[in-house]
C-alpha atoms as a PDB file:
ATOM      1  CA  MET A   1       6.090 -31.206  13.549  1.00  0.00           C
ATOM      2  CA  GLY A   2       2.702 -29.666  12.671  1.00  0.00           C
ATOM      3  CA  ARG A   3       2.166 -26.724  10.400  1.00  0.00           C
ATOM      4  CA  ALA A   4       1.752 -23.272  11.912  1.00  0.00           C
ATOM      5  CA  PRO A   5      -1.783 -21.850  11.598  1.00  0.00           C
ATOM      6  CA  THR A   6      -2.329 -19.157   8.990  1.00  0.00           C
ATOM      7  CA  LEU A   7      -5.073 -16.676   8.180  1.00  0.00           C
ATOM      8  CA  ALA A   8      -6.088 -18.988   5.340  1.00  0.00           C
ATOM      9  CA  GLY A   9      -7.031 -21.699   7.864  1.00  0.00           C
ATOM     10  CA  ASN A  10     -10.434 -22.059   9.485  1.00  0.00           C
ATOM     11  CA  THR A  11      -9.403 -21.365  13.059  1.00  0.00           C
ATOM     12  CA  TRP A  12      -6.458 -20.283  15.146  1.00  0.00           C
ATOM     13  CA  PRO A  13      -5.295 -22.386  18.109  1.00  0.00           C
ATOM     14  CA  GLY A  14      -7.876 -22.465  20.869  1.00  0.00           C
ATOM     15  CA  GLY A  15     -10.756 -22.228  18.412  1.00  0.00           C
ATOM     16  CA  ALA A  16     -10.541 -18.471  17.805  1.00  0.00           C
ATOM     17  CA  PRO A  17     -12.297 -17.454  14.591  1.00  0.00           C
ATOM     18  CA  ARG A  18     -10.230 -16.645  11.515  1.00  0.00           C
ATOM     19  CA  ALA A  19      -9.572 -12.947  10.907  1.00  0.00           C
ATOM     20  CA  ASP A  20      -9.862 -11.297   7.501  1.00  0.00           C
ATOM     21  CA  PRO A  21      -6.405  -9.872   6.744  1.00  0.00           C
ATOM     22  CA  SER A  22      -7.817  -6.885   4.834  1.00  0.00           C
ATOM     23  CA  VAL A  23      -9.852  -5.834   7.890  1.00  0.00           C
ATOM     24  CA  LEU A  24      -6.776  -6.057  10.095  1.00  0.00           C
ATOM     25  CA  LEU A  25      -4.695  -4.031   7.636  1.00  0.00           C
ATOM     26  CA  ASP A  26      -7.423  -1.368   7.429  1.00  0.00           C
ATOM     27  CA  PHE A  27      -7.512  -1.171  11.231  1.00  0.00           C
ATOM     28  CA  VAL A  28      -3.730  -0.784  11.400  1.00  0.00           C
ATOM     29  CA  ALA A  29      -3.825   1.992   8.781  1.00  0.00           C
ATOM     30  CA  VAL A  30      -6.480   3.923  10.720  1.00  0.00           C
ATOM     31  CA  VAL A  31      -4.663   3.557  14.049  1.00  0.00           C
ATOM     32  CA  ARG A  32      -1.330   4.521  12.457  1.00  0.00           C
ATOM     33  CA  HIS A  33      -2.942   7.659  11.002  1.00  0.00           C
ATOM     34  CA  GLU A  34      -4.562   8.610  14.316  1.00  0.00           C
ATOM     35  CA  LEU A  35      -1.277   8.167  16.216  1.00  0.00           C
ATOM     36  CA  ARG A  36       0.879  10.088  13.713  1.00  0.00           C
ATOM     37  CA  ASP A  37       1.421  12.992  16.139  1.00  0.00           C
ATOM     38  CA  LEU A  38       2.965  10.545  18.625  1.00  0.00           C
ATOM     39  CA  ARG A  39       5.447   9.532  15.904  1.00  0.00           C
ATOM     40  CA  PRO A  40       5.400   5.747  16.310  1.00  0.00           C
ATOM     41  CA  ARG A  41       8.599   4.271  14.890  1.00  0.00           C
ATOM     42  CA  ASP A  42       7.022   1.019  13.815  1.00  0.00           C
ATOM     43  CA  ILE A  43       4.038  -1.263  14.235  1.00  0.00           C
ATOM     44  CA  ILE A  44       5.445  -2.474  17.569  1.00  0.00           C
ATOM     45  CA  ASP A  45       5.024   1.051  18.989  1.00  0.00           C
ATOM     46  CA  ILE A  46       1.418   1.005  17.801  1.00  0.00           C
ATOM     47  CA  GLN A  47       0.793  -2.442  19.273  1.00  0.00           C
ATOM     48  CA  SER A  48       2.297  -1.299  22.585  1.00  0.00           C
ATOM     49  CA  PHE A  49       0.023   1.761  22.617  1.00  0.00           C
ATOM     50  CA  LEU A  50      -3.044  -0.426  22.024  1.00  0.00           C
ATOM     51  CA  TRP A  51      -1.932  -2.900  24.706  1.00  0.00           C
ATOM     52  CA  VAL A  52      -1.596  -0.182  27.341  1.00  0.00           C
ATOM     53  CA  GLN A  53      -4.910   1.432  26.370  1.00  0.00           C
ATOM     54  CA  GLY A  54      -6.734  -1.873  26.781  1.00  0.00           C
ATOM     55  CA  SER A  55      -5.029  -2.985  29.972  1.00  0.00           C
ATOM     56  CA  ASP A  56      -6.485  -2.733  33.472  1.00  0.00           C
ATOM     57  CA  GLU A  57      -2.884  -2.666  34.685  1.00  0.00           C
ATOM     58  CA  TYR A  58      -2.522   0.977  33.589  1.00  0.00           C
ATOM     59  CA  PRO A  59      -5.361   3.043  35.078  1.00  0.00           C
ATOM     60  CA  GLY A  60      -6.283   6.295  33.491  1.00  0.00           C
END
């Protein structure tokens, strides 16, 4: 069985470029702060919010 890709690797599956973890954590902190009035329970609530905002499936 192969090893799972990590942020320390060069690429993710499919050739996607590696992400800098500190940039991702900064982004999460900013989004969490901006959504505080919506009272997200956890990072899954925040991810769901971002998914809906970026989806063509939910017009608005």
